[in-house]
Structure formats: structure tokens, C-alpha cells
Amino acid sequence: MEMNNTIRILAEAFDAHSLKYQIVETEKYQEVHVPFGIKNGPFVNLRYISTNNGNDTLVRVMNLINKVPEEKRSSILEVCNTLNGKYRFLKFTMDSDNDVHVEYDFPASTGDEALGNMAFEIFIRTMQILNEGFILLAKALYTQDEPVTGIKLESDGTKDLLKLLKDKHDEINIKISKDSSSEGPET
């Protein structure tokens, strides 16, 4: 299957930011998987799924937590709801198998000129949110404490995200200037 335009744009954006990724093809979709480790949590793949309908792109972290025990279901749902209330756009969900997933959907009308930068921003935001939120999910899953409510997360969101994006941008610029003879990042 030939690489569709959305996947090409995502690959170019991730190459520009020196992110490692893998392009995966299924019968229905083309996907870009970007792996990362969550602080105090699992190693996950952020999946950008192209529906082959313009730039209609789904973003997923599947199975952040697998098979939540029935007695912990309400505690985990409460943490998911708390995180969903704290963060716009990125949503924590639990399916009928009691697996926790993280989801984001790009607006279907996202233009080619914006898609790559938006995809990188969603990657950074997802890493930040999961680094803060996973510990709350783990606490609800592995302790006997009351469900987590009224929590204060480490950041106020936007200010820390802007600093993280600036730091990542500076890091990439330093890496590029030190390694100007490089052929490019591995994918």
C-alpha cells in the first residue's frame, strides 16, 4: 500500500523533531506509532491512525491499563473522569473489557500545513499528561485508599506545556547544530 498524504506529513514532522516512529499498515488503516516511556509507568505507543479520509486522524494509546479488576472499576473510572475534567481534548476511557485507553481525534478539516505541528504538539501534551496522570491511575489500582477526588495535578497545563515545547525545540536545535553532518534520524 502506498503511503497516504497524512502519514507522509506525520513522518516528515516526526523526522524534523528527531522522533523515532514506525509506520504500520492494516487492512483498513495506515498508522504511525511513536513509542515513549511514561514516568513511573509502562512503555506505550502513541498511535496516529489515518482513516484515509483527508486528514481525519485518530490518536490512541491503547491498553494503558489492561483488565482492571471489577472491584477497582469505580476508582479507575473516577480517576479517568478527574483527568478528563482537568485536560481538554485528550480523553481517558474504559471499555467493556475494563481496559483503559487514551484518545484524541484531530478535526477532520485539519489542513496539511497544520497537521504535522499539531501531531507533534499532541505527542508532547500526551507525554506530559500521562506522566502526571498515570500515577493517579496506579494509586487507584494498587492501593486500598479511597478513590482519588479533588486532586491537584503538578502543572497548570499551558505554562508547563509551553516550557516543555520550548525545551524540546532548543534540544533539537542543539542536536542539529552539533550533528550537522548527519544523514537524518532513524525511523
N, C-alpha and C. Protein backbone atom coordinates (compact mmCIF):
# COMPACT_ATOMS: atom_id res chain seq x y z
N MET A 1 0.85 -1.18 0.00
CA MET A 1 0.00 0.00 0.00
C MET A 1 0.90 1.24 0.00
N GLU A 2 0.58 2.18 -0.84
CA GLU A 2 1.34 3.42 -0.91
C GLU A 2 1.03 4.31 0.30
N MET A 3 2.05 4.99 0.80
CA MET A 3 1.88 5.86 1.95
C MET A 3 0.93 7.00 1.60
N ASN A 4 -0.13 7.17 2.41
CA ASN A 4 -1.07 8.25 2.11
C ASN A 4 -0.51 9.60 2.57
N ASN A 5 -1.14 10.67 2.16
CA ASN A 5 -0.66 12.02 2.42
C ASN A 5 -0.55 12.31 3.91
N THR A 6 -1.51 11.90 4.70
CA THR A 6 -1.49 12.15 6.14
C THR A 6 -0.28 11.49 6.79
N ILE A 7 -0.02 10.25 6.45
CA ILE A 7 1.12 9.52 7.02
C ILE A 7 2.42 10.18 6.59
N ARG A 8 2.50 10.62 5.35
CA ARG A 8 3.70 11.31 4.86
C ARG A 8 3.95 12.58 5.67
N ILE A 9 2.91 13.37 5.91
CA ILE A 9 3.04 14.61 6.68
C ILE A 9 3.49 14.32 8.11
N LEU A 10 2.90 13.30 8.73
CA LEU A 10 3.29 12.93 10.10
C LEU A 10 4.75 12.49 10.14
N ALA A 11 5.15 11.65 9.19
CA ALA A 11 6.53 11.16 9.14
C ALA A 11 7.50 12.33 8.99
N GLU A 12 7.20 13.27 8.12
CA GLU A 12 8.07 14.43 7.93
C GLU A 12 8.17 15.26 9.21
N ALA A 13 7.05 15.45 9.90
CA ALA A 13 7.06 16.23 11.15
C ALA A 13 7.89 15.52 12.21
N PHE A 14 7.72 14.21 12.35
CA PHE A 14 8.47 13.49 13.36
C PHE A 14 9.95 13.40 13.00
N ASP A 15 10.27 13.29 11.71
CA ASP A 15 11.67 13.35 11.29
C ASP A 15 12.29 14.70 11.68
N ALA A 16 11.55 15.78 11.47
CA ALA A 16 12.04 17.12 11.78
C ALA A 16 12.33 17.30 13.27
N HIS A 17 11.63 16.55 14.11
CA HIS A 17 11.81 16.63 15.56
C HIS A 17 12.61 15.45 16.12
N SER A 18 13.21 14.68 15.22
CA SER A 18 14.06 13.54 15.61
C SER A 18 13.35 12.53 16.49
N LEU A 19 12.05 12.32 16.25
CA LEU A 19 11.31 11.31 16.99
C LEU A 19 11.40 9.97 16.27
N LYS A 20 11.59 8.92 17.04
CA LYS A 20 11.57 7.59 16.45
C LYS A 20 10.12 7.17 16.29
N TYR A 21 9.82 6.53 15.18
CA TYR A 21 8.46 6.10 14.90
C TYR A 21 8.49 4.90 13.97
N GLN A 22 7.34 4.28 13.83
CA GLN A 22 7.19 3.15 12.92
C GLN A 22 5.90 3.33 12.16
N ILE A 23 5.92 3.09 10.87
CA ILE A 23 4.71 3.13 10.05
C ILE A 23 4.16 1.70 9.97
N VAL A 24 2.88 1.57 10.29
CA VAL A 24 2.22 0.27 10.33
C VAL A 24 1.01 0.32 9.41
N GLU A 25 0.84 -0.72 8.62
CA GLU A 25 -0.33 -0.80 7.73
C GLU A 25 -1.21 -1.95 8.16
N THR A 26 -2.52 -1.68 8.20
CA THR A 26 -3.50 -2.72 8.45
C THR A 26 -4.40 -2.80 7.21
N GLU A 27 -5.37 -3.67 7.24
CA GLU A 27 -6.29 -3.77 6.10
C GLU A 27 -7.06 -2.47 5.87
N LYS A 28 -7.40 -1.79 6.96
CA LYS A 28 -8.23 -0.59 6.86
C LYS A 28 -7.47 0.72 6.98
N TYR A 29 -6.36 0.73 7.72
CA TYR A 29 -5.71 1.97 8.08
C TYR A 29 -4.22 1.93 7.86
N GLN A 30 -3.64 3.13 7.80
CA GLN A 30 -2.21 3.30 7.93
C GLN A 30 -2.00 4.04 9.25
N GLU A 31 -0.95 3.64 9.97
CA GLU A 31 -0.71 4.22 11.29
C GLU A 31 0.75 4.60 11.43
N VAL A 32 0.98 5.61 12.29
CA VAL A 32 2.32 5.94 12.73
C VAL A 32 2.35 5.70 14.23
N HIS A 33 3.27 4.84 14.69
CA HIS A 33 3.41 4.54 16.11
C HIS A 33 4.64 5.26 16.64
N VAL A 34 4.46 6.06 17.70
CA VAL A 34 5.56 6.78 18.33
C VAL A 34 5.69 6.25 19.76
N PRO A 35 6.76 5.51 20.05
CA PRO A 35 6.91 4.92 21.38
C PRO A 35 7.49 5.91 22.39
N PHE A 36 7.08 5.75 23.64
CA PHE A 36 7.70 6.50 24.74
C PHE A 36 7.38 5.82 26.05
N GLY A 37 8.20 6.10 27.04
CA GLY A 37 8.00 5.56 28.38
C GLY A 37 7.33 6.58 29.26
N ILE A 38 6.36 6.14 30.03
CA ILE A 38 5.67 7.00 30.98
C ILE A 38 6.46 6.99 32.29
N LYS A 39 6.68 8.17 32.86
CA LYS A 39 7.37 8.28 34.15
C LYS A 39 6.62 7.42 35.17
N ASN A 40 7.32 6.50 35.80
CA ASN A 40 6.73 5.58 36.78
C ASN A 40 5.61 4.73 36.18
N GLY A 41 5.70 4.45 34.90
CA GLY A 41 4.64 3.69 34.25
C GLY A 41 5.17 2.84 33.10
N PRO A 42 4.29 2.37 32.27
CA PRO A 42 4.68 1.46 31.19
C PRO A 42 5.26 2.20 29.98
N PHE A 43 5.81 1.43 29.10
CA PHE A 43 6.26 1.89 27.79
C PHE A 43 5.06 1.73 26.86
N VAL A 44 4.68 2.79 26.13
CA VAL A 44 3.49 2.75 25.29
C VAL A 44 3.80 3.24 23.88
N ASN A 45 2.89 2.98 22.97
CA ASN A 45 2.94 3.53 21.62
C ASN A 45 1.81 4.52 21.47
N LEU A 46 2.14 5.75 21.10
CA LEU A 46 1.13 6.72 20.71
C LEU A 46 0.85 6.45 19.25
N ARG A 47 -0.37 6.05 18.95
CA ARG A 47 -0.74 5.63 17.60
C ARG A 47 -1.51 6.73 16.90
N TYR A 48 -1.00 7.18 15.76
CA TYR A 48 -1.70 8.12 14.89
C TYR A 48 -2.30 7.28 13.78
N ILE A 49 -3.62 7.23 13.71
CA ILE A 49 -4.31 6.34 12.79
C ILE A 49 -4.98 7.17 11.71
N SER A 50 -4.55 6.97 10.48
CA SER A 50 -5.14 7.69 9.35
C SER A 50 -6.30 6.89 8.80
N THR A 51 -7.46 7.55 8.74
CA THR A 51 -8.66 6.87 8.23
C THR A 51 -8.75 6.93 6.71
N ASN A 52 -7.72 7.50 6.07
CA ASN A 52 -7.69 7.67 4.61
C ASN A 52 -8.82 8.55 4.11
N ASN A 53 -9.33 9.40 4.97
CA ASN A 53 -10.39 10.34 4.62
C ASN A 53 -9.86 11.75 4.88
N GLY A 54 -9.08 12.27 3.95
CA GLY A 54 -8.45 13.56 4.18
C GLY A 54 -7.47 13.43 5.33
N ASN A 55 -7.44 14.44 6.19
CA ASN A 55 -6.55 14.41 7.36
C ASN A 55 -7.29 13.99 8.62
N ASP A 56 -8.37 13.24 8.47
CA ASP A 56 -9.12 12.72 9.61
C ASP A 56 -8.23 11.69 10.30
N THR A 57 -7.66 12.08 11.43
CA THR A 57 -6.66 11.26 12.11
C THR A 57 -7.07 11.02 13.55
N LEU A 58 -6.98 9.79 13.98
CA LEU A 58 -7.26 9.39 15.36
C LEU A 58 -5.93 9.20 16.07
N VAL A 59 -5.87 9.57 17.34
CA VAL A 59 -4.68 9.35 18.14
C VAL A 59 -5.09 8.48 19.32
N ARG A 60 -4.33 7.41 19.57
CA ARG A 60 -4.71 6.47 20.61
C ARG A 60 -3.49 5.94 21.36
N VAL A 61 -3.64 5.78 22.67
CA VAL A 61 -2.77 4.92 23.48
C VAL A 61 -3.70 3.81 23.93
N MET A 62 -3.51 2.65 23.34
CA MET A 62 -4.37 1.52 23.65
C MET A 62 -3.82 0.76 24.85
N ASN A 63 -4.74 0.28 25.69
CA ASN A 63 -4.38 -0.59 26.81
C ASN A 63 -3.34 0.03 27.75
N LEU A 64 -3.59 1.28 28.12
CA LEU A 64 -2.74 1.90 29.13
C LEU A 64 -2.75 1.06 30.39
N ILE A 65 -3.94 0.57 30.75
CA ILE A 65 -4.10 -0.42 31.83
C ILE A 65 -4.99 -1.52 31.28
N ASN A 66 -4.59 -2.77 31.47
CA ASN A 66 -5.36 -3.91 31.00
C ASN A 66 -6.13 -4.56 32.13
N LYS A 67 -7.36 -4.93 31.82
CA LYS A 67 -8.17 -5.78 32.72
C LYS A 67 -8.24 -5.26 34.16
N VAL A 68 -8.76 -4.07 34.32
CA VAL A 68 -8.96 -3.52 35.66
C VAL A 68 -9.89 -4.47 36.42
N PRO A 69 -9.49 -4.90 37.62
CA PRO A 69 -10.37 -5.78 38.40
C PRO A 69 -11.71 -5.08 38.68
N GLU A 70 -12.76 -5.86 38.69
CA GLU A 70 -14.11 -5.30 38.86
C GLU A 70 -14.22 -4.44 40.12
N GLU A 71 -13.55 -4.86 41.21
CA GLU A 71 -13.63 -4.10 42.47
C GLU A 71 -12.89 -2.76 42.40
N LYS A 72 -12.06 -2.57 41.38
CA LYS A 72 -11.33 -1.29 41.20
C LYS A 72 -11.93 -0.43 40.09
N ARG A 73 -12.94 -0.96 39.40
CA ARG A 73 -13.52 -0.26 38.26
C ARG A 73 -14.01 1.15 38.61
N SER A 74 -14.74 1.30 39.69
CA SER A 74 -15.28 2.62 40.04
C SER A 74 -14.17 3.60 40.40
N SER A 75 -13.13 3.14 41.08
CA SER A 75 -12.00 4.02 41.41
C SER A 75 -11.26 4.48 40.16
N ILE A 76 -11.04 3.56 39.23
CA ILE A 76 -10.35 3.91 37.99
C ILE A 76 -11.21 4.86 37.15
N LEU A 77 -12.51 4.59 37.07
CA LEU A 77 -13.40 5.50 36.34
C LEU A 77 -13.40 6.89 36.95
N GLU A 78 -13.35 6.96 38.27
CA GLU A 78 -13.31 8.26 38.94
C GLU A 78 -12.03 9.03 38.58
N VAL A 79 -10.90 8.33 38.54
CA VAL A 79 -9.65 8.98 38.14
C VAL A 79 -9.73 9.41 36.67
N CYS A 80 -10.26 8.55 35.81
CA CYS A 80 -10.43 8.91 34.39
C CYS A 80 -11.28 10.18 34.27
N ASN A 81 -12.38 10.23 35.01
CA ASN A 81 -13.24 11.42 34.97
C ASN A 81 -12.52 12.66 35.48
N THR A 82 -11.74 12.50 36.53
CA THR A 82 -10.97 13.63 37.07
C THR A 82 -9.97 14.13 36.03
N LEU A 83 -9.24 13.20 35.40
CA LEU A 83 -8.28 13.59 34.37
C LEU A 83 -8.98 14.21 33.17
N ASN A 84 -10.14 13.67 32.79
CA ASN A 84 -10.89 14.24 31.67
C ASN A 84 -11.38 15.65 31.99
N GLY A 85 -11.69 15.91 33.25
CA GLY A 85 -12.10 17.25 33.65
C GLY A 85 -10.94 18.23 33.68
N LYS A 86 -9.74 17.73 33.93
CA LYS A 86 -8.54 18.58 34.01
C LYS A 86 -8.02 18.95 32.62
N TYR A 87 -8.08 18.00 31.68
CA TYR A 87 -7.46 18.19 30.38
C TYR A 87 -8.50 18.25 29.28
N ARG A 88 -8.36 19.22 28.39
CA ARG A 88 -9.24 19.32 27.23
C ARG A 88 -8.72 18.42 26.13
N PHE A 89 -9.61 17.91 25.34
CA PHE A 89 -9.33 17.16 24.12
C PHE A 89 -8.86 15.73 24.36
N LEU A 90 -7.80 15.51 25.14
CA LEU A 90 -7.31 14.17 25.39
C LEU A 90 -8.23 13.52 26.42
N LYS A 91 -8.74 12.34 26.10
CA LYS A 91 -9.72 11.69 26.98
C LYS A 91 -9.28 10.29 27.39
N PHE A 92 -9.51 9.99 28.66
CA PHE A 92 -9.27 8.66 29.22
C PHE A 92 -10.58 7.90 29.19
N THR A 93 -10.56 6.68 28.66
CA THR A 93 -11.78 5.88 28.55
C THR A 93 -11.52 4.47 29.09
N MET A 94 -12.60 3.81 29.47
CA MET A 94 -12.52 2.40 29.86
C MET A 94 -13.56 1.64 29.03
N ASP A 95 -13.12 0.57 28.40
CA ASP A 95 -14.03 -0.19 27.56
C ASP A 95 -14.72 -1.31 28.35
N SER A 96 -15.51 -2.11 27.65
CA SER A 96 -16.28 -3.18 28.31
C SER A 96 -15.40 -4.31 28.83
N ASP A 97 -14.14 -4.38 28.38
CA ASP A 97 -13.19 -5.37 28.90
C ASP A 97 -12.41 -4.83 30.09
N ASN A 98 -12.78 -3.62 30.56
CA ASN A 98 -12.10 -2.94 31.67
C ASN A 98 -10.66 -2.56 31.33
N ASP A 99 -10.41 -2.27 30.07
CA ASP A 99 -9.11 -1.76 29.63
C ASP A 99 -9.21 -0.24 29.52
N VAL A 100 -8.16 0.46 29.98
CA VAL A 100 -8.13 1.92 29.93
C VAL A 100 -7.34 2.34 28.70
N HIS A 101 -7.91 3.27 27.94
CA HIS A 101 -7.29 3.81 26.73
C HIS A 101 -7.26 5.34 26.83
N VAL A 102 -6.42 5.95 26.00
CA VAL A 102 -6.35 7.40 25.91
C VAL A 102 -6.63 7.76 24.45
N GLU A 103 -7.47 8.78 24.24
CA GLU A 103 -7.93 9.10 22.89
C GLU A 103 -7.88 10.59 22.60
N TYR A 104 -7.62 10.90 21.32
CA TYR A 104 -7.73 12.25 20.79
C TYR A 104 -8.10 12.11 19.32
N ASP A 105 -8.98 12.97 18.85
CA ASP A 105 -9.34 12.98 17.43
C ASP A 105 -9.04 14.36 16.86
N PHE A 106 -8.23 14.38 15.79
CA PHE A 106 -7.98 15.63 15.09
C PHE A 106 -9.26 16.08 14.41
N PRO A 107 -9.50 17.39 14.31
CA PRO A 107 -10.63 17.84 13.49
C PRO A 107 -10.43 17.34 12.05
N ALA A 108 -11.48 16.83 11.45
CA ALA A 108 -11.39 16.28 10.11
C ALA A 108 -10.93 17.32 9.09
N SER A 109 -11.16 18.59 9.40
CA SER A 109 -10.81 19.66 8.46
C SER A 109 -9.39 20.20 8.67
N THR A 110 -8.57 19.52 9.45
CA THR A 110 -7.20 19.99 9.69
C THR A 110 -6.44 20.03 8.37
N GLY A 111 -5.86 21.19 8.06
CA GLY A 111 -5.14 21.36 6.81
C GLY A 111 -3.75 20.75 6.85
N ASP A 112 -3.23 20.44 5.67
CA ASP A 112 -1.89 19.86 5.55
C ASP A 112 -0.85 20.71 6.24
N GLU A 113 -0.99 22.04 6.13
CA GLU A 113 0.02 22.94 6.68
C GLU A 113 0.08 22.91 8.20
N ALA A 114 -0.98 22.48 8.86
CA ALA A 114 -1.03 22.47 10.33
C ALA A 114 -0.86 21.08 10.93
N LEU A 115 -1.13 20.05 10.17
CA LEU A 115 -1.20 18.69 10.70
C LEU A 115 0.08 18.25 11.41
N GLY A 116 1.23 18.45 10.80
CA GLY A 116 2.49 17.99 11.39
C GLY A 116 2.79 18.65 12.73
N ASN A 117 2.64 19.97 12.79
CA ASN A 117 2.89 20.68 14.05
C ASN A 117 1.89 20.27 15.11
N MET A 118 0.63 20.09 14.72
CA MET A 118 -0.38 19.65 15.68
C MET A 118 -0.06 18.25 16.20
N ALA A 119 0.39 17.37 15.33
CA ALA A 119 0.72 16.00 15.74
C ALA A 119 1.86 15.99 16.74
N PHE A 120 2.87 16.83 16.51
CA PHE A 120 3.97 16.91 17.46
C PHE A 120 3.50 17.49 18.79
N GLU A 121 2.66 18.51 18.75
CA GLU A 121 2.13 19.10 19.98
C GLU A 121 1.32 18.07 20.76
N ILE A 122 0.50 17.28 20.08
CA ILE A 122 -0.29 16.25 20.76
C ILE A 122 0.63 15.21 21.38
N PHE A 123 1.73 14.88 20.71
CA PHE A 123 2.70 13.95 21.29
C PHE A 123 3.25 14.50 22.61
N ILE A 124 3.69 15.75 22.61
CA ILE A 124 4.25 16.38 23.82
C ILE A 124 3.18 16.46 24.91
N ARG A 125 1.97 16.91 24.55
CA ARG A 125 0.89 17.01 25.53
C ARG A 125 0.56 15.63 26.12
N THR A 126 0.50 14.62 25.30
CA THR A 126 0.17 13.28 25.77
C THR A 126 1.23 12.78 26.74
N MET A 127 2.50 12.98 26.40
CA MET A 127 3.57 12.58 27.32
C MET A 127 3.42 13.29 28.66
N GLN A 128 3.18 14.59 28.63
CA GLN A 128 3.05 15.36 29.86
C GLN A 128 1.86 14.88 30.69
N ILE A 129 0.73 14.72 30.04
CA ILE A 129 -0.49 14.31 30.75
C ILE A 129 -0.33 12.90 31.33
N LEU A 130 0.23 11.98 30.56
CA LEU A 130 0.39 10.62 31.07
C LEU A 130 1.44 10.56 32.19
N ASN A 131 2.48 11.38 32.10
CA ASN A 131 3.46 11.42 33.19
C ASN A 131 2.82 11.89 34.49
N GLU A 132 1.87 12.79 34.42
CA GLU A 132 1.17 13.27 35.62
C GLU A 132 0.04 12.33 36.02
N GLY A 133 -0.71 11.85 35.04
CA GLY A 133 -1.93 11.12 35.35
C GLY A 133 -1.77 9.65 35.66
N PHE A 134 -0.72 9.02 35.13
CA PHE A 134 -0.60 7.58 35.33
C PHE A 134 -0.44 7.22 36.80
N ILE A 135 0.28 8.02 37.55
CA ILE A 135 0.49 7.73 38.97
C ILE A 135 -0.84 7.70 39.72
N LEU A 136 -1.79 8.55 39.30
CA LEU A 136 -3.11 8.55 39.93
C LEU A 136 -3.88 7.27 39.59
N LEU A 137 -3.76 6.83 38.36
CA LEU A 137 -4.40 5.57 37.97
C LEU A 137 -3.78 4.40 38.74
N ALA A 138 -2.45 4.41 38.85
CA ALA A 138 -1.77 3.34 39.58
C ALA A 138 -2.18 3.34 41.05
N LYS A 139 -2.30 4.52 41.65
CA LYS A 139 -2.70 4.60 43.06
C LYS A 139 -4.10 4.01 43.24
N ALA A 140 -5.01 4.35 42.32
CA ALA A 140 -6.37 3.82 42.41
C ALA A 140 -6.40 2.31 42.20
N LEU A 141 -5.50 1.82 41.37
CA LEU A 141 -5.47 0.39 41.05
C LEU A 141 -4.81 -0.45 42.14
N TYR A 142 -3.75 0.07 42.74
CA TYR A 142 -2.92 -0.76 43.61
C TYR A 142 -2.99 -0.45 45.10
N THR A 143 -3.80 0.52 45.50
CA THR A 143 -3.90 0.80 46.94
C THR A 143 -5.34 0.61 47.40
N GLN A 144 -5.50 0.58 48.70
CA GLN A 144 -6.82 0.44 49.29
C GLN A 144 -7.40 1.79 49.67
N ASP A 145 -6.70 2.88 49.30
CA ASP A 145 -7.16 4.22 49.63
C ASP A 145 -8.51 4.50 49.00
N GLU A 146 -9.18 5.52 49.51
CA GLU A 146 -10.43 5.98 48.93
C GLU A 146 -10.16 6.44 47.50
N PRO A 147 -11.17 6.44 46.64
CA PRO A 147 -10.98 6.93 45.28
C PRO A 147 -10.38 8.34 45.29
N VAL A 148 -9.59 8.62 44.28
CA VAL A 148 -8.88 9.89 44.18
C VAL A 148 -9.84 10.96 43.67
N THR A 149 -10.14 11.94 44.52
CA THR A 149 -11.01 13.04 44.10
C THR A 149 -10.39 14.35 44.52
N GLY A 150 -10.79 15.41 43.85
CA GLY A 150 -10.30 16.74 44.20
C GLY A 150 -8.79 16.85 44.12
N ILE A 151 -8.18 16.13 43.19
CA ILE A 151 -6.72 16.12 43.11
C ILE A 151 -6.18 17.40 42.50
N LYS A 152 -4.98 17.73 42.90
CA LYS A 152 -4.26 18.85 42.32
C LYS A 152 -3.10 18.24 41.57
N LEU A 153 -3.12 18.39 40.25
CA LEU A 153 -2.04 17.85 39.45
C LEU A 153 -0.86 18.81 39.49
N GLU A 154 0.31 18.30 39.12
CA GLU A 154 1.55 19.06 39.24
C GLU A 154 1.57 20.36 38.47
N SER A 155 0.93 20.42 37.32
CA SER A 155 1.07 21.61 36.48
C SER A 155 -0.27 22.26 36.23
N ASP A 156 -0.18 23.51 35.78
CA ASP A 156 -1.41 24.18 35.38
C ASP A 156 -1.68 23.97 33.90
N GLY A 157 -0.90 23.11 33.26
CA GLY A 157 -1.15 22.76 31.87
C GLY A 157 -0.38 23.61 30.89
N THR A 158 -0.94 24.73 30.51
CA THR A 158 -0.42 25.52 29.41
C THR A 158 1.00 26.03 29.67
N LYS A 159 1.25 26.60 30.84
CA LYS A 159 2.57 27.17 31.14
C LYS A 159 3.64 26.09 31.05
N ASP A 160 3.40 24.94 31.67
CA ASP A 160 4.38 23.87 31.64
C ASP A 160 4.52 23.28 30.23
N LEU A 161 3.42 23.19 29.49
CA LEU A 161 3.49 22.67 28.13
C LEU A 161 4.35 23.58 27.26
N LEU A 162 4.16 24.88 27.37
CA LEU A 162 4.96 25.82 26.57
C LEU A 162 6.44 25.69 26.91
N LYS A 163 6.77 25.53 28.19
CA LYS A 163 8.16 25.34 28.58
C LYS A 163 8.70 24.04 28.01
N LEU A 164 7.92 22.96 28.10
CA LEU A 164 8.34 21.68 27.57
C LEU A 164 8.57 21.76 26.06
N LEU A 165 7.65 22.40 25.34
CA LEU A 165 7.82 22.56 23.89
C LEU A 165 9.06 23.38 23.57
N LYS A 166 9.29 24.46 24.32
CA LYS A 166 10.48 25.29 24.09
C LYS A 166 11.74 24.49 24.37
N ASP A 167 11.77 23.75 25.49
CA ASP A 167 12.93 22.93 25.82
C ASP A 167 13.20 21.89 24.73
N LYS A 168 12.14 21.24 24.25
CA LYS A 168 12.29 20.23 23.19
C LYS A 168 12.82 20.90 21.93
N HIS A 169 12.28 22.06 21.60
CA HIS A 169 12.74 22.80 20.42
C HIS A 169 14.21 23.16 20.56
N ASP A 170 14.61 23.68 21.72
CA ASP A 170 16.01 24.03 21.97
C ASP A 170 16.90 22.80 21.89
N GLU A 171 16.44 21.69 22.46
CA GLU A 171 17.21 20.44 22.44
C GLU A 171 17.44 19.98 21.01
N ILE A 172 16.40 20.07 20.19
CA ILE A 172 16.52 19.65 18.79
C ILE A 172 17.48 20.57 18.05
N ASN A 173 17.38 21.88 18.27
CA ASN A 173 18.29 22.81 17.61
C ASN A 173 19.74 22.55 18.01
N ILE A 174 19.98 22.25 19.29
CA ILE A 174 21.33 21.95 19.75
C ILE A 174 21.82 20.68 19.08
N LYS A 175 20.98 19.65 19.04
CA LYS A 175 21.36 18.39 18.42
C LYS A 175 21.67 18.58 16.94
N ILE A 176 20.86 19.36 16.25
CA ILE A 176 21.07 19.58 14.82
C ILE A 176 22.38 20.33 14.59
N SER A 177 22.64 21.36 15.39
CA SER A 177 23.86 22.14 15.20
C SER A 177 25.11 21.32 15.52
N LYS A 178 25.05 20.40 16.51
CA LYS A 178 26.19 19.57 16.85
C LYS A 178 26.41 18.46 15.84
N ASP A 179 25.37 18.05 15.15
CA ASP A 179 25.44 16.90 14.27
C ASP A 179 25.00 17.29 12.86
N SER A 180 25.57 18.34 12.33
CA SER A 180 25.13 18.83 11.02
C SER A 180 25.51 17.91 9.88
N SER A 181 26.41 16.95 10.13
CA SER A 181 26.79 16.02 9.07
C SER A 181 25.91 14.80 8.99
N SER A 182 24.94 14.69 9.88
CA SER A 182 24.08 13.51 9.96
C SER A 182 23.19 13.39 8.73
N GLU A 183 22.91 12.16 8.35
CA GLU A 183 22.02 11.88 7.23
C GLU A 183 20.56 12.07 7.61
N GLY A 184 20.24 12.08 8.89
CA GLY A 184 18.87 12.20 9.35
C GLY A 184 18.56 11.15 10.38
N PRO A 185 17.42 11.25 11.03
CA PRO A 185 17.08 10.32 12.11
C PRO A 185 16.68 8.95 11.57
N GLU A 186 16.87 7.96 12.41
CA GLU A 186 16.38 6.61 12.07
C GLU A 186 14.90 6.57 12.29
N THR A 187 14.21 5.80 11.50
CA THR A 187 12.77 5.63 11.70
C THR A 187 12.46 4.20 11.96
